[in-house]
C-alpha cells in the first residue's frame, strides 16, 4: 500500500520531467525507455489511479528548469526540454 486508506494522506516528491510528456530513451540502460511526465500527464496518471481503485486524488505539480550545471554536463543525454517535476498528491 502506498498511502493510508484515509482522506488527507499525502505523497510528495520530485522526479525528472519533460515539457513534452512521453517515453524517452533511458540514459544508462541502453535499449530501454522511461516515461517522463509533464504536469498534465502526471495529473492524468492520478486520475487513472483513482478510476482503477475507486479513489479520488488532488494533485498539485509544477515543472521547473534544472540548474545549468546539470544541463551543461548532461544536455546531450536529457535534451533541452528536460525539467524537474515537483508534486504533491492528496487523497480525498
N, C-alpha and C. Protein backbone atom coordinates (compact mmCIF):
# COMPACT_ATOMS: atom_id res chain seq x y z
N UNK A 1 0.85 -1.17 0.00
CA UNK A 1 0.00 0.00 0.00
C UNK A 1 0.91 1.24 0.00
N UNK A 2 0.58 2.17 -0.85
CA UNK A 2 1.37 3.39 -0.99
C UNK A 2 1.05 4.40 0.12
N UNK A 3 -0.23 4.59 0.41
CA UNK A 3 -0.66 5.55 1.42
C UNK A 3 -1.75 4.93 2.29
N UNK A 4 -1.95 5.51 3.46
CA UNK A 4 -3.05 5.06 4.31
C UNK A 4 -4.38 5.28 3.61
N UNK A 5 -5.30 4.43 3.91
CA UNK A 5 -6.63 4.50 3.31
C UNK A 5 -7.49 5.52 4.07
N UNK A 6 -7.05 6.78 4.03
CA UNK A 6 -7.85 7.82 4.68
C UNK A 6 -7.60 9.17 4.03
N UNK A 7 -8.64 9.98 4.07
CA UNK A 7 -8.58 11.32 3.49
C UNK A 7 -7.43 12.10 4.10
N UNK A 8 -6.74 12.86 3.25
CA UNK A 8 -5.66 13.70 3.72
C UNK A 8 -4.28 13.07 3.64
N UNK A 9 -4.21 11.77 3.35
CA UNK A 9 -2.90 11.15 3.18
C UNK A 9 -2.17 11.88 2.06
N UNK A 10 -0.87 12.06 2.21
CA UNK A 10 -0.11 12.93 1.32
C UNK A 10 1.14 12.24 0.81
N UNK A 11 1.37 12.39 -0.47
CA UNK A 11 2.59 11.92 -1.12
C UNK A 11 3.26 13.13 -1.75
N UNK A 12 4.54 13.36 -1.44
CA UNK A 12 5.28 14.46 -2.06
C UNK A 12 6.54 13.89 -2.70
N UNK A 13 7.00 14.55 -3.74
CA UNK A 13 8.22 14.08 -4.37
C UNK A 13 8.66 14.95 -5.52
N UNK A 14 9.70 14.47 -6.16
CA UNK A 14 10.22 15.14 -7.36
C UNK A 14 10.84 14.07 -8.24
N UNK A 15 10.88 14.35 -9.51
CA UNK A 15 11.46 13.43 -10.47
C UNK A 15 11.81 14.20 -11.73
N UNK A 16 12.53 13.56 -12.61
CA UNK A 16 12.84 14.17 -13.89
C UNK A 16 11.57 14.21 -14.72
N UNK A 17 11.28 15.36 -15.30
CA UNK A 17 10.13 15.53 -16.17
C UNK A 17 10.57 16.07 -17.51
N UNK A 18 9.59 16.46 -18.32
CA UNK A 18 9.89 16.98 -19.64
C UNK A 18 8.75 17.88 -20.08
N UNK A 19 9.05 18.90 -20.86
CA UNK A 19 7.98 19.76 -21.38
C UNK A 19 6.99 18.96 -22.21
N UNK A 20 7.49 17.98 -22.96
CA UNK A 20 6.65 17.11 -23.78
C UNK A 20 6.64 15.73 -23.15
N UNK A 21 5.52 15.36 -22.53
CA UNK A 21 5.43 14.06 -21.88
C UNK A 21 5.59 12.94 -22.90
N UNK A 22 6.24 11.88 -22.48
CA UNK A 22 6.37 10.72 -23.35
C UNK A 22 7.56 9.87 -23.00
N UNK A 23 7.69 8.79 -23.72
CA UNK A 23 8.80 7.87 -23.49
C UNK A 23 10.10 8.49 -23.99
N UNK A 24 11.12 8.30 -23.21
CA UNK A 24 12.46 8.77 -23.55
C UNK A 24 13.41 7.59 -23.45
N UNK A 25 14.47 7.61 -24.22
CA UNK A 25 15.48 6.57 -24.13
C UNK A 25 16.15 6.68 -22.76
N UNK A 26 16.28 5.55 -22.09
CA UNK A 26 16.93 5.53 -20.77
C UNK A 26 18.41 5.76 -20.96
N UNK A 27 18.98 6.66 -20.18
CA UNK A 27 20.37 7.05 -20.43
C UNK A 27 21.39 6.03 -19.96
N UNK A 28 21.04 5.15 -19.02
CA UNK A 28 22.03 4.17 -18.56
C UNK A 28 21.69 2.74 -18.97
N UNK A 29 20.43 2.45 -19.21
CA UNK A 29 20.03 1.11 -19.65
C UNK A 29 19.73 1.16 -21.14
N UNK A 30 20.75 1.01 -21.92
CA UNK A 30 20.62 1.13 -23.37
C UNK A 30 19.54 0.19 -23.90
N UNK A 31 18.75 0.70 -24.83
CA UNK A 31 17.68 -0.08 -25.42
C UNK A 31 16.38 -0.05 -24.63
N UNK A 32 16.39 0.56 -23.46
CA UNK A 32 15.18 0.67 -22.65
C UNK A 32 14.68 2.11 -22.66
N UNK A 33 13.42 2.27 -22.35
CA UNK A 33 12.84 3.61 -22.29
C UNK A 33 12.24 3.86 -20.91
N UNK A 34 11.97 5.12 -20.64
CA UNK A 34 11.27 5.53 -19.43
C UNK A 34 10.28 6.61 -19.84
N UNK A 35 9.29 6.83 -19.02
CA UNK A 35 8.29 7.84 -19.31
C UNK A 35 8.59 9.07 -18.48
N UNK A 36 8.70 10.21 -19.13
CA UNK A 36 8.89 11.48 -18.42
C UNK A 36 7.59 12.26 -18.50
N UNK A 37 7.08 12.61 -17.35
CA UNK A 37 5.81 13.33 -17.26
C UNK A 37 6.00 14.84 -17.37
N UNK A 38 4.93 15.51 -17.82
CA UNK A 38 4.76 16.93 -17.59
C UNK A 38 3.58 17.04 -16.62
N UNK A 39 3.16 18.24 -16.28
CA UNK A 39 2.10 18.42 -15.29
C UNK A 39 0.81 17.73 -15.74
N UNK A 40 0.44 17.90 -16.98
CA UNK A 40 -0.82 17.34 -17.47
C UNK A 40 -0.81 15.82 -17.43
N UNK A 41 0.26 15.21 -17.88
CA UNK A 41 0.30 13.74 -17.90
C UNK A 41 0.38 13.17 -16.49
N UNK A 42 1.03 13.89 -15.57
CA UNK A 42 1.11 13.42 -14.19
C UNK A 42 -0.27 13.45 -13.53
N UNK A 43 -1.03 14.52 -13.79
CA UNK A 43 -2.39 14.59 -13.25
C UNK A 43 -3.27 13.50 -13.86
N UNK A 44 -3.10 13.25 -15.15
CA UNK A 44 -3.87 12.20 -15.81
C UNK A 44 -3.55 10.83 -15.21
N UNK A 45 -2.30 10.59 -14.89
CA UNK A 45 -1.91 9.34 -14.24
C UNK A 45 -2.70 9.13 -12.96
N UNK A 46 -2.81 10.17 -12.13
CA UNK A 46 -3.52 10.04 -10.87
C UNK A 46 -5.04 9.94 -11.07
N UNK A 47 -5.55 10.51 -12.14
CA UNK A 47 -6.97 10.29 -12.48
C UNK A 47 -7.19 8.81 -12.79
N UNK A 48 -6.27 8.23 -13.54
CA UNK A 48 -6.37 6.81 -13.88
C UNK A 48 -6.23 5.93 -12.65
N UNK A 49 -5.35 6.30 -11.73
CA UNK A 49 -5.22 5.56 -10.47
C UNK A 49 -6.56 5.58 -9.73
N UNK A 50 -7.17 6.78 -9.66
CA UNK A 50 -8.46 6.90 -8.99
C UNK A 50 -9.54 6.07 -9.64
N UNK A 51 -9.60 6.09 -10.96
CA UNK A 51 -10.61 5.30 -11.68
C UNK A 51 -10.40 3.80 -11.45
N UNK A 52 -9.16 3.37 -11.44
CA UNK A 52 -8.86 1.95 -11.27
C UNK A 52 -9.11 1.45 -9.85
N UNK A 53 -8.96 2.34 -8.88
CA UNK A 53 -9.04 1.91 -7.47
C UNK A 53 -10.29 2.41 -6.76
N UNK A 54 -11.09 3.23 -7.43
CA UNK A 54 -12.27 3.78 -6.78
C UNK A 54 -11.93 4.83 -5.73
N UNK A 55 -10.82 5.53 -5.94
CA UNK A 55 -10.37 6.56 -5.01
C UNK A 55 -10.33 7.90 -5.72
N UNK A 56 -10.14 8.97 -4.96
CA UNK A 56 -10.05 10.31 -5.54
C UNK A 56 -8.80 10.98 -5.01
N UNK A 57 -8.12 11.71 -5.90
CA UNK A 57 -6.83 12.34 -5.58
C UNK A 57 -6.81 13.78 -6.06
N UNK A 58 -6.17 14.64 -5.25
CA UNK A 58 -5.93 16.02 -5.67
C UNK A 58 -4.43 16.15 -5.91
N UNK A 59 -4.08 16.65 -7.09
CA UNK A 59 -2.68 16.71 -7.49
C UNK A 59 -2.27 18.15 -7.74
N UNK A 60 -1.16 18.54 -7.16
CA UNK A 60 -0.51 19.80 -7.49
C UNK A 60 0.88 19.44 -7.98
N UNK A 61 1.26 20.00 -9.12
CA UNK A 61 2.56 19.70 -9.70
C UNK A 61 3.07 20.91 -10.47
N UNK A 62 4.38 20.98 -10.57
CA UNK A 62 4.98 22.07 -11.35
C UNK A 62 6.28 21.59 -11.98
N UNK A 63 6.55 22.13 -13.15
CA UNK A 63 7.83 21.89 -13.81
C UNK A 63 8.72 23.09 -13.59
N UNK A 64 9.98 22.84 -13.31
CA UNK A 64 10.93 23.94 -13.20
C UNK A 64 12.22 23.55 -13.91
N UNK A 65 12.93 24.55 -14.35
CA UNK A 65 14.20 24.29 -15.02
C UNK A 65 15.18 23.70 -14.01
N UNK A 66 16.02 22.81 -14.51
CA UNK A 66 17.09 22.29 -13.67
C UNK A 66 18.27 23.23 -13.79
N UNK A 67 19.18 23.19 -12.82
CA UNK A 67 20.27 24.17 -12.86
C UNK A 67 21.15 23.95 -14.08
N UNK A 68 21.78 25.01 -14.51
CA UNK A 68 22.52 24.99 -15.76
C UNK A 68 23.71 24.05 -15.74
N UNK A 69 24.32 23.84 -14.57
CA UNK A 69 25.42 22.89 -14.47
C UNK A 69 24.97 21.49 -14.85
N UNK A 70 23.78 21.12 -14.38
CA UNK A 70 23.21 19.81 -14.71
C UNK A 70 22.99 19.70 -16.21
N UNK A 71 22.40 20.73 -16.79
CA UNK A 71 22.13 20.70 -18.23
C UNK A 71 23.40 20.69 -19.05
N UNK A 72 24.37 21.50 -18.67
CA UNK A 72 25.60 21.56 -19.45
C UNK A 72 26.32 20.22 -19.47
N UNK A 73 26.32 19.50 -18.34
CA UNK A 73 27.00 18.22 -18.26
C UNK A 73 26.25 17.12 -18.98
N UNK A 74 24.92 17.22 -19.01
CA UNK A 74 24.12 16.10 -19.50
C UNK A 74 23.15 16.47 -20.62
N UNK A 75 23.32 17.63 -21.22
CA UNK A 75 22.32 18.06 -22.20
C UNK A 75 22.19 17.09 -23.37
N UNK A 76 23.26 16.46 -23.76
CA UNK A 76 23.14 15.51 -24.87
C UNK A 76 22.36 14.27 -24.45
N UNK A 77 22.32 13.99 -23.17
CA UNK A 77 21.60 12.81 -22.68
C UNK A 77 20.13 13.16 -22.46
N UNK A 78 19.86 14.28 -21.82
CA UNK A 78 18.50 14.62 -21.41
C UNK A 78 17.74 15.47 -22.43
N UNK A 79 18.41 16.26 -23.20
CA UNK A 79 17.76 17.11 -24.17
C UNK A 79 17.33 18.44 -23.58
N UNK A 80 16.98 19.39 -24.43
CA UNK A 80 16.70 20.76 -23.98
C UNK A 80 15.37 20.91 -23.24
N UNK A 81 14.47 19.94 -23.33
CA UNK A 81 13.17 20.07 -22.68
C UNK A 81 13.09 19.41 -21.32
N UNK A 82 14.21 18.92 -20.82
CA UNK A 82 14.22 18.28 -19.51
C UNK A 82 13.86 19.32 -18.43
N UNK A 83 13.07 18.89 -17.47
CA UNK A 83 12.67 19.75 -16.36
C UNK A 83 12.60 18.91 -15.09
N UNK A 84 12.53 19.59 -13.97
CA UNK A 84 12.29 18.94 -12.69
C UNK A 84 10.79 19.01 -12.42
N UNK A 85 10.17 17.88 -12.11
CA UNK A 85 8.75 17.81 -11.78
C UNK A 85 8.65 17.63 -10.28
N UNK A 86 8.06 18.62 -9.62
CA UNK A 86 7.79 18.55 -8.18
C UNK A 86 6.30 18.36 -8.01
N UNK A 87 5.91 17.52 -7.05
CA UNK A 87 4.49 17.21 -6.91
C UNK A 87 4.08 16.95 -5.47
N UNK A 88 2.78 17.16 -5.24
CA UNK A 88 2.09 16.79 -4.00
C UNK A 88 0.79 16.14 -4.42
N UNK A 89 0.47 15.01 -3.81
CA UNK A 89 -0.74 14.27 -4.14
C UNK A 89 -1.47 13.95 -2.84
N UNK A 90 -2.71 14.43 -2.72
CA UNK A 90 -3.52 14.20 -1.52
C UNK A 90 -4.66 13.23 -1.82
N UNK A 91 -4.92 12.36 -0.88
CA UNK A 91 -6.11 11.50 -1.00
C UNK A 91 -7.30 12.28 -0.50
N UNK A 92 -8.38 12.25 -1.29
CA UNK A 92 -9.60 12.98 -0.89
C UNK A 92 -10.66 12.01 -0.43
